Each structure stands twice: as C-alpha cells, then as structure tokens.
Amino acid sequence: MTMNADREALLKQVTALDFAAVDLQLYLNTHPHDTDALEMYNDCTENARRARKTYEQQFGPLTGFRSEGQTDWSWENEPWPWQAEFNFSPGGHHNVGL
C-alpha cells in the first residue's frame, strides 16, 4: 500500500469506529441495562482510541486537543480535518499528497 492508501484506510477505520461508538451511545441512552451493547461500546471506543493513536503516530494529529506525545507542534503542517484537502475524494482516494 502507498502512504496515501495507508492513510486513507486508517482514517476510514477511525471514522467508522467513531460513528459506531456514537450510534451505540445513542442506543445506550435508551437501553442503559443492555450489557451486550455496553460491551460493544467499550470495545468500539477502545478500538477507536487505538486506531486514532496509530494514525497520529504515522501521519500526525487529527485534532489539536488530542495531540499527545508530539515532539514538536506539527499540527499546522498538514491540512486540518475540516479543510477540503484533508477529506476523502469522490473516487475513494485521499486528497492529501496527490
């Protein structure tokens, strides 16, 4: 895989896990005693944390407030997540570095 493909795959993983965590959180708001859903939520948030950490170690921070372990303040060196250059392109390729 190329760096851009690796970056896009990790970003998609983080996005999917975060989406699933929000969905499970909403479900748990109305079903707080569903232990299976709570276990899935806990697994999902842990997997999202790991995926986010892997992404940030390889490609830099996704957000300014979660930038742990950086040796320099590199946040400004990449397009920010809300900028067009950071987003997925319609063809499924990440625009950064293309």
C-alpha atoms as a PDB file:
ATOM      1  CA  MET A   1       0.000   0.000   0.000  1.00  0.00           C
ATOM      2  CA  THR A   2       1.121   3.516  -0.659  1.00  0.00           C
ATOM      3  CA  MET A   3       1.319   6.088   2.106  1.00  0.00           C
ATOM      4  CA  ASN A   4      -1.869   7.754   0.878  1.00  0.00           C
ATOM      5  CA  ALA A   5      -3.698   4.415   0.759  1.00  0.00           C
ATOM      6  CA  ASP A   6      -2.487   3.555   4.267  1.00  0.00           C
ATOM      7  CA  ARG A   7      -3.522   6.978   5.488  1.00  0.00           C
ATOM      8  CA  GLU A   8      -6.959   6.705   3.924  1.00  0.00           C
ATOM      9  CA  ALA A   9      -7.508   3.184   5.286  1.00  0.00           C
ATOM     10  CA  LEU A  10      -6.650   4.283   8.828  1.00  0.00           C
ATOM     11  CA  LEU A  11      -8.785   7.400   8.522  1.00  0.00           C
ATOM     12  CA  LYS A  12     -11.735   5.317   7.319  1.00  0.00           C
ATOM     13  CA  GLN A  13     -11.213   2.948  10.250  1.00  0.00           C
ATOM     14  CA  VAL A  14     -11.213   5.815  12.758  1.00  0.00           C
ATOM     15  CA  THR A  15     -14.291   7.337  11.127  1.00  0.00           C
ATOM     16  CA  ALA A  16     -16.213   4.047  11.121  1.00  0.00           C
ATOM     17  CA  LEU A  17     -15.325   3.259  14.739  1.00  0.00           C
ATOM     18  CA  ASP A  18     -16.258   6.755  15.900  1.00  0.00           C
ATOM     19  CA  PHE A  19     -19.577   6.511  14.047  1.00  0.00           C
ATOM     20  CA  ALA A  20     -20.311   3.116  15.611  1.00  0.00           C
ATOM     21  CA  ALA A  21     -19.444   4.453  19.074  1.00  0.00           C
ATOM     22  CA  VAL A  22     -21.855   7.370  18.673  1.00  0.00           C
ATOM     23  CA  ASP A  23     -24.563   5.013  17.420  1.00  0.00           C
ATOM     24  CA  LEU A  24     -24.046   2.668  20.372  1.00  0.00           C
ATOM     25  CA  GLN A  25     -24.006   5.622  22.762  1.00  0.00           C
ATOM     26  CA  LEU A  26     -27.389   6.756  21.460  1.00  0.00           C
ATOM     27  CA  TYR A  27     -28.753   3.229  21.843  1.00  0.00           C
ATOM     28  CA  LEU A  28     -27.404   3.005  25.395  1.00  0.00           C
ATOM     29  CA  ASN A  29     -29.135   6.274  26.271  1.00  0.00           C
ATOM     30  CA  THR A  30     -32.438   4.431  25.924  1.00  0.00           C
ATOM     31  CA  HIS A  31     -31.245   0.925  26.865  1.00  0.00           C
ATOM     32  CA  PRO A  32     -28.785   1.511  29.732  1.00  0.00           C
ATOM     33  CA  HIS A  33     -29.013  -2.048  31.074  1.00  0.00           C
ATOM     34  CA  ASP A  34     -28.108  -3.797  27.800  1.00  0.00           C
ATOM     35  CA  THR A  35     -24.806  -5.352  28.861  1.00  0.00           C
ATOM     36  CA  ASP A  36     -24.055  -6.684  25.364  1.00  0.00           C
ATOM     37  CA  ALA A  37     -24.386  -3.196  23.883  1.00  0.00           C
ATOM     38  CA  LEU A  38     -22.254  -1.748  26.668  1.00  0.00           C
ATOM     39  CA  GLU A  39     -19.545  -4.310  25.961  1.00  0.00           C
ATOM     40  CA  MET A  40     -19.700  -3.486  22.238  1.00  0.00           C
ATOM     41  CA  TYR A  41     -19.479   0.229  23.060  1.00  0.00           C
ATOM     42  CA  ASN A  42     -16.443  -0.277  25.290  1.00  0.00           C
ATOM     43  CA  ASP A  43     -14.720  -2.421  22.643  1.00  0.00           C
ATOM     44  CA  CYS A  44     -15.555   0.099  19.944  1.00  0.00           C
ATOM     45  CA  THR A  45     -14.222   3.098  21.854  1.00  0.00           C
ATOM     46  CA  GLU A  46     -11.021   1.216  22.743  1.00  0.00           C
ATOM     47  CA  ASN A  47     -10.507   0.187  19.108  1.00  0.00           C
ATOM     48  CA  ALA A  48     -11.153   3.779  18.008  1.00  0.00           C
ATOM     49  CA  ARG A  49      -8.586   5.030  20.512  1.00  0.00           C
ATOM     50  CA  ARG A  50      -6.012   2.554  19.201  1.00  0.00           C
ATOM     51  CA  ALA A  51      -6.742   3.376  15.553  1.00  0.00           C
ATOM     52  CA  ARG A  52      -6.521   7.113  16.279  1.00  0.00           C
ATOM     53  CA  LYS A  53      -3.192   6.610  18.076  1.00  0.00           C
ATOM     54  CA  THR A  54      -1.804   4.571  15.169  1.00  0.00           C
ATOM     55  CA  TYR A  55      -2.957   7.215  12.690  1.00  0.00           C
ATOM     56  CA  GLU A  56      -1.419  10.047  14.691  1.00  0.00           C
ATOM     57  CA  GLN A  57       1.886   8.207  15.152  1.00  0.00           C
ATOM     58  CA  GLN A  58       2.163   7.692  11.399  1.00  0.00           C
ATOM     59  CA  PHE A  59       0.554  10.797   9.929  1.00  0.00           C
ATOM     60  CA  GLY A  60       0.182  13.445  12.631  1.00  0.00           C
ATOM     61  CA  PRO A  61      -2.662  14.659  14.830  1.00  0.00           C
ATOM     62  CA  LEU A  62      -6.301  14.515  13.806  1.00  0.00           C
ATOM     63  CA  THR A  63      -7.279  17.209  16.298  1.00  0.00           C
ATOM     64  CA  GLY A  64      -5.359  19.809  18.221  1.00  0.00           C
ATOM     65  CA  PHE A  65      -6.642  18.745  21.632  1.00  0.00           C
ATOM     66  CA  ARG A  66      -5.746  15.066  21.229  1.00  0.00           C
ATOM     67  CA  SER A  67      -2.160  15.632  20.109  1.00  0.00           C
ATOM     68  CA  GLU A  68      -0.323  13.606  22.712  1.00  0.00           C
ATOM     69  CA  GLY A  69       3.305  12.584  22.518  1.00  0.00           C
ATOM     70  CA  GLN A  70       4.305  15.021  19.807  1.00  0.00           C
ATOM     71  CA  THR A  71       7.920  16.179  19.882  1.00  0.00           C
ATOM     72  CA  ASP A  72       7.040  19.375  18.067  1.00  0.00           C
ATOM     73  CA  TRP A  73       3.881  21.295  17.333  1.00  0.00           C
ATOM     74  CA  SER A  74       3.275  19.893  13.837  1.00  0.00           C
ATOM     75  CA  TRP A  75      -0.460  20.489  13.780  1.00  0.00           C
ATOM     76  CA  GLU A  76      -0.120  23.357  11.298  1.00  0.00           C
ATOM     77  CA  ASN A  77       1.948  21.321   8.785  1.00  0.00           C
ATOM     78  CA  GLU A  78      -0.950  19.312   7.354  1.00  0.00           C
ATOM     79  CA  PRO A  79      -4.399  20.223   6.103  1.00  0.00           C
ATOM     80  CA  TRP A  80      -6.804  20.302   9.008  1.00  0.00           C
ATOM     81  CA  PRO A  81      -9.668  17.776   9.095  1.00  0.00           C
ATOM     82  CA  TRP A  82     -12.243  20.401   8.134  1.00  0.00           C
ATOM     83  CA  GLN A  83     -10.265  21.555   5.078  1.00  0.00           C
ATOM     84  CA  ALA A  84     -11.074  20.162   1.638  1.00  0.00           C
ATOM     85  CA  GLU A  85      -7.542  18.808   1.133  1.00  0.00           C
ATOM     86  CA  PHE A  86      -7.944  16.508   4.130  1.00  0.00           C
ATOM     87  CA  ASN A  87     -11.233  14.935   3.076  1.00  0.00           C
ATOM     88  CA  PHE A  88     -11.796  11.837   1.013  1.00  0.00           C
ATOM     89  CA  SER A  89     -12.147  12.403  -2.688  1.00  0.00           C
ATOM     90  CA  PRO A  90     -15.255  11.060  -4.511  1.00  0.00           C
ATOM     91  CA  GLY A  91     -13.141   8.339  -6.129  1.00  0.00           C
ATOM     92  CA  GLY A  92     -12.151   6.945  -2.743  1.00  0.00           C
ATOM     93  CA  HIS A  93      -8.654   8.410  -2.687  1.00  0.00           C
ATOM     94  CA  HIS A  94      -7.409  10.767  -0.047  1.00  0.00           C
ATOM     95  CA  ASN A  95      -6.568  14.175  -1.499  1.00  0.00           C
ATOM     96  CA  VAL A  96      -3.521  14.846   0.701  1.00  0.00           C
ATOM     97  CA  GLY A  97      -0.301  14.432  -1.204  1.00  0.00           C
ATOM     98  CA  LEU A  98      -1.909  13.829  -4.586  1.00  0.00           C
END
